[in-house]
């Protein structure tokens, strides 16, 4: 029998606090503060805008870059097991979404 990480998909708004260098420091989710406990992974993906929007006004900005952070967190300053949060900010959005949570190490 092999152990597998359990992942829950959410897409719920969260508050994200960053360091002065621009990396995630902590996340407020479900009334708790989750401290980042390992180096975060940052990337961008492309939105399939043609499936969701008909046209865009000139000067609308970047309508295709979806920003992601994958972070390992634990509640406050506890020594509990790490959980992996995948965070997403859609094009032109001002809020971050907690896309998924998985137990254990980072999902690949």
C-alpha atoms as a PDB file:
ATOM      1  CA  UNK A   1       0.000   0.000   0.000  1.00  0.00           C
ATOM      2  CA  UNK A   2       1.357   3.424  -0.908  1.00  0.00           C
ATOM      3  CA  UNK A   3       0.471   6.699   0.746  1.00  0.00           C
ATOM      4  CA  UNK A   4      -0.968   9.401  -1.456  1.00  0.00           C
ATOM      5  CA  UNK A   5      -1.533  13.061  -0.717  1.00  0.00           C
ATOM      6  CA  UNK A   6      -5.147  14.117  -0.377  1.00  0.00           C
ATOM      7  CA  UNK A   7      -6.040  17.225  -2.393  1.00  0.00           C
ATOM      8  CA  UNK A   8      -9.135  19.381  -1.994  1.00  0.00           C
ATOM      9  CA  UNK A   9     -10.138  21.884  -4.702  1.00  0.00           C
ATOM     10  CA  UNK A  10     -11.679  25.062  -3.306  1.00  0.00           C
ATOM     11  CA  UNK A  11     -11.402  28.297  -5.342  1.00  0.00           C
ATOM     12  CA  UNK A  12     -12.125  30.502  -2.308  1.00  0.00           C
ATOM     13  CA  UNK A  13     -10.853  34.069  -1.748  1.00  0.00           C
ATOM     14  CA  UNK A  14      -7.964  34.460   0.709  1.00  0.00           C
ATOM     15  CA  UNK A  15      -5.835  37.295   2.029  1.00  0.00           C
ATOM     16  CA  UNK A  16      -2.156  36.985   1.194  1.00  0.00           C
ATOM     17  CA  UNK A  17       0.675  38.875   2.924  1.00  0.00           C
ATOM     18  CA  UNK A  18       3.998  39.296   1.127  1.00  0.00           C
ATOM     19  CA  UNK A  19       7.578  39.963   2.231  1.00  0.00           C
ATOM     20  CA  UNK A  20       9.336  43.159   1.117  1.00  0.00           C
ATOM     21  CA  UNK A  21      10.974  41.042  -1.628  1.00  0.00           C
ATOM     22  CA  UNK A  22       7.540  39.990  -2.976  1.00  0.00           C
ATOM     23  CA  UNK A  23       7.308  36.376  -1.743  1.00  0.00           C
ATOM     24  CA  UNK A  24       4.307  35.084   0.209  1.00  0.00           C
ATOM     25  CA  UNK A  25       4.758  35.298   3.979  1.00  0.00           C
ATOM     26  CA  UNK A  26       1.343  34.240   5.308  1.00  0.00           C
ATOM     27  CA  UNK A  27      -2.210  33.428   4.191  1.00  0.00           C
ATOM     28  CA  UNK A  28      -5.467  34.136   6.025  1.00  0.00           C
ATOM     29  CA  UNK A  29      -7.895  31.317   5.259  1.00  0.00           C
ATOM     30  CA  UNK A  30     -10.958  30.127   7.123  1.00  0.00           C
ATOM     31  CA  UNK A  31     -10.273  32.422  10.094  1.00  0.00           C
ATOM     32  CA  UNK A  32      -6.680  31.201  10.564  1.00  0.00           C
ATOM     33  CA  UNK A  33      -3.259  32.566   9.716  1.00  0.00           C
ATOM     34  CA  UNK A  34      -1.119  30.036   7.839  1.00  0.00           C
ATOM     35  CA  UNK A  35       2.613  30.836   7.908  1.00  0.00           C
ATOM     36  CA  UNK A  36       4.768  29.990   4.895  1.00  0.00           C
ATOM     37  CA  UNK A  37       7.286  27.404   6.111  1.00  0.00           C
ATOM     38  CA  UNK A  38       9.334  26.614   2.966  1.00  0.00           C
ATOM     39  CA  UNK A  39      10.493  28.330  -0.215  1.00  0.00           C
ATOM     40  CA  UNK A  40       7.468  29.119  -2.409  1.00  0.00           C
ATOM     41  CA  UNK A  41       7.206  28.280  -6.105  1.00  0.00           C
ATOM     42  CA  UNK A  42       5.960  31.022  -8.450  1.00  0.00           C
ATOM     43  CA  UNK A  43       4.810  30.753 -12.065  1.00  0.00           C
ATOM     44  CA  UNK A  44       2.447  32.146 -14.680  1.00  0.00           C
ATOM     45  CA  UNK A  45       0.072  30.275 -16.949  1.00  0.00           C
ATOM     46  CA  UNK A  46      -2.155  31.433 -19.793  1.00  0.00           C
ATOM     47  CA  UNK A  47      -5.933  31.791 -19.554  1.00  0.00           C
ATOM     48  CA  UNK A  48      -8.051  30.473 -22.413  1.00  0.00           C
ATOM     49  CA  UNK A  49      -9.620  33.914 -22.868  1.00  0.00           C
ATOM     50  CA  UNK A  50     -11.284  32.923 -26.133  1.00  0.00           C
ATOM     51  CA  UNK A  51     -13.483  30.476 -24.191  1.00  0.00           C
ATOM     52  CA  UNK A  52     -14.707  33.016 -21.638  1.00  0.00           C
ATOM     53  CA  UNK A  53     -14.584  36.454 -23.278  1.00  0.00           C
ATOM     54  CA  UNK A  54     -15.729  37.591 -26.705  1.00  0.00           C
ATOM     55  CA  UNK A  55     -13.650  40.731 -27.090  1.00  0.00           C
ATOM     56  CA  UNK A  56     -11.463  43.032 -25.056  1.00  0.00           C
ATOM     57  CA  UNK A  57     -11.351  46.785 -25.160  1.00  0.00           C
ATOM     58  CA  UNK A  58      -8.126  48.402 -26.330  1.00  0.00           C
ATOM     59  CA  UNK A  59      -5.928  49.130 -23.314  1.00  0.00           C
ATOM     60  CA  UNK A  60      -7.623  46.560 -21.068  1.00  0.00           C
ATOM     61  CA  UNK A  61      -4.278  45.243 -19.895  1.00  0.00           C
ATOM     62  CA  UNK A  62      -2.997  41.693 -19.645  1.00  0.00           C
ATOM     63  CA  UNK A  63      -6.041  39.440 -20.047  1.00  0.00           C
ATOM     64  CA  UNK A  64      -4.241  36.113 -20.325  1.00  0.00           C
ATOM     65  CA  UNK A  65      -1.606  35.816 -17.568  1.00  0.00           C
ATOM     66  CA  UNK A  66      -2.805  33.797 -14.564  1.00  0.00           C
ATOM     67  CA  UNK A  67      -0.396  34.102 -11.618  1.00  0.00           C
ATOM     68  CA  UNK A  68       0.232  31.142  -9.288  1.00  0.00           C
ATOM     69  CA  UNK A  69       2.062  30.481  -6.030  1.00  0.00           C
ATOM     70  CA  UNK A  70       2.516  27.017  -4.514  1.00  0.00           C
ATOM     71  CA  UNK A  71       3.401  27.357  -0.861  1.00  0.00           C
ATOM     72  CA  UNK A  72       3.925  24.995   2.054  1.00  0.00           C
ATOM     73  CA  UNK A  73       2.268  26.296   5.191  1.00  0.00           C
ATOM     74  CA  UNK A  74       1.368  25.454   8.770  1.00  0.00           C
ATOM     75  CA  UNK A  75      -0.958  27.230  11.205  1.00  0.00           C
ATOM     76  CA  UNK A  76       0.761  30.144  12.945  1.00  0.00           C
ATOM     77  CA  UNK A  77       4.024  29.181  14.614  1.00  0.00           C
ATOM     78  CA  UNK A  78       3.015  25.566  15.295  1.00  0.00           C
ATOM     79  CA  UNK A  79       5.096  22.516  14.465  1.00  0.00           C
ATOM     80  CA  UNK A  80       2.187  20.713  12.791  1.00  0.00           C
ATOM     81  CA  UNK A  81       2.588  18.900   9.471  1.00  0.00           C
ATOM     82  CA  UNK A  82       3.008  20.999   6.350  1.00  0.00           C
ATOM     83  CA  UNK A  83       0.121  21.499   3.959  1.00  0.00           C
ATOM     84  CA  UNK A  84       0.503  22.683   0.376  1.00  0.00           C
ATOM     85  CA  UNK A  85      -1.638  25.587  -0.823  1.00  0.00           C
ATOM     86  CA  UNK A  86      -1.934  26.462  -4.501  1.00  0.00           C
ATOM     87  CA  UNK A  87      -2.933  30.113  -4.903  1.00  0.00           C
ATOM     88  CA  UNK A  88      -4.159  31.769  -8.093  1.00  0.00           C
ATOM     89  CA  UNK A  89      -4.818  35.313  -9.251  1.00  0.00           C
ATOM     90  CA  UNK A  90      -6.751  35.591 -12.489  1.00  0.00           C
ATOM     91  CA  UNK A  91      -6.055  38.291 -15.078  1.00  0.00           C
ATOM     92  CA  UNK A  92      -7.082  41.772 -13.868  1.00  0.00           C
ATOM     93  CA  UNK A  93      -8.226  40.342 -10.485  1.00  0.00           C
ATOM     94  CA  UNK A  94      -7.290  42.053  -7.243  1.00  0.00           C
ATOM     95  CA  UNK A  95      -7.991  39.057  -4.964  1.00  0.00           C
ATOM     96  CA  UNK A  96      -6.133  35.815  -4.589  1.00  0.00           C
ATOM     97  CA  UNK A  97      -7.984  32.487  -4.692  1.00  0.00           C
ATOM     98  CA  UNK A  98      -6.982  29.402  -2.764  1.00  0.00           C
ATOM     99  CA  UNK A  99      -7.290  26.920  -5.613  1.00  0.00           C
ATOM    100  CA  UNK A 100      -6.404  23.770  -3.710  1.00  0.00           C
ATOM    101  CA  UNK A 101      -5.000  22.324  -0.496  1.00  0.00           C
ATOM    102  CA  UNK A 102      -3.085  19.073  -0.295  1.00  0.00           C
ATOM    103  CA  UNK A 103      -1.706  17.266   2.721  1.00  0.00           C
ATOM    104  CA  UNK A 104       1.958  16.413   2.903  1.00  0.00           C
ATOM    105  CA  UNK A 105       4.650  17.627   0.547  1.00  0.00           C
ATOM    106  CA  UNK A 106       4.230  19.679  -2.603  1.00  0.00           C
ATOM    107  CA  UNK A 107       2.019  18.281  -5.361  1.00  0.00           C
ATOM    108  CA  UNK A 108       3.830  17.729  -8.639  1.00  0.00           C
END
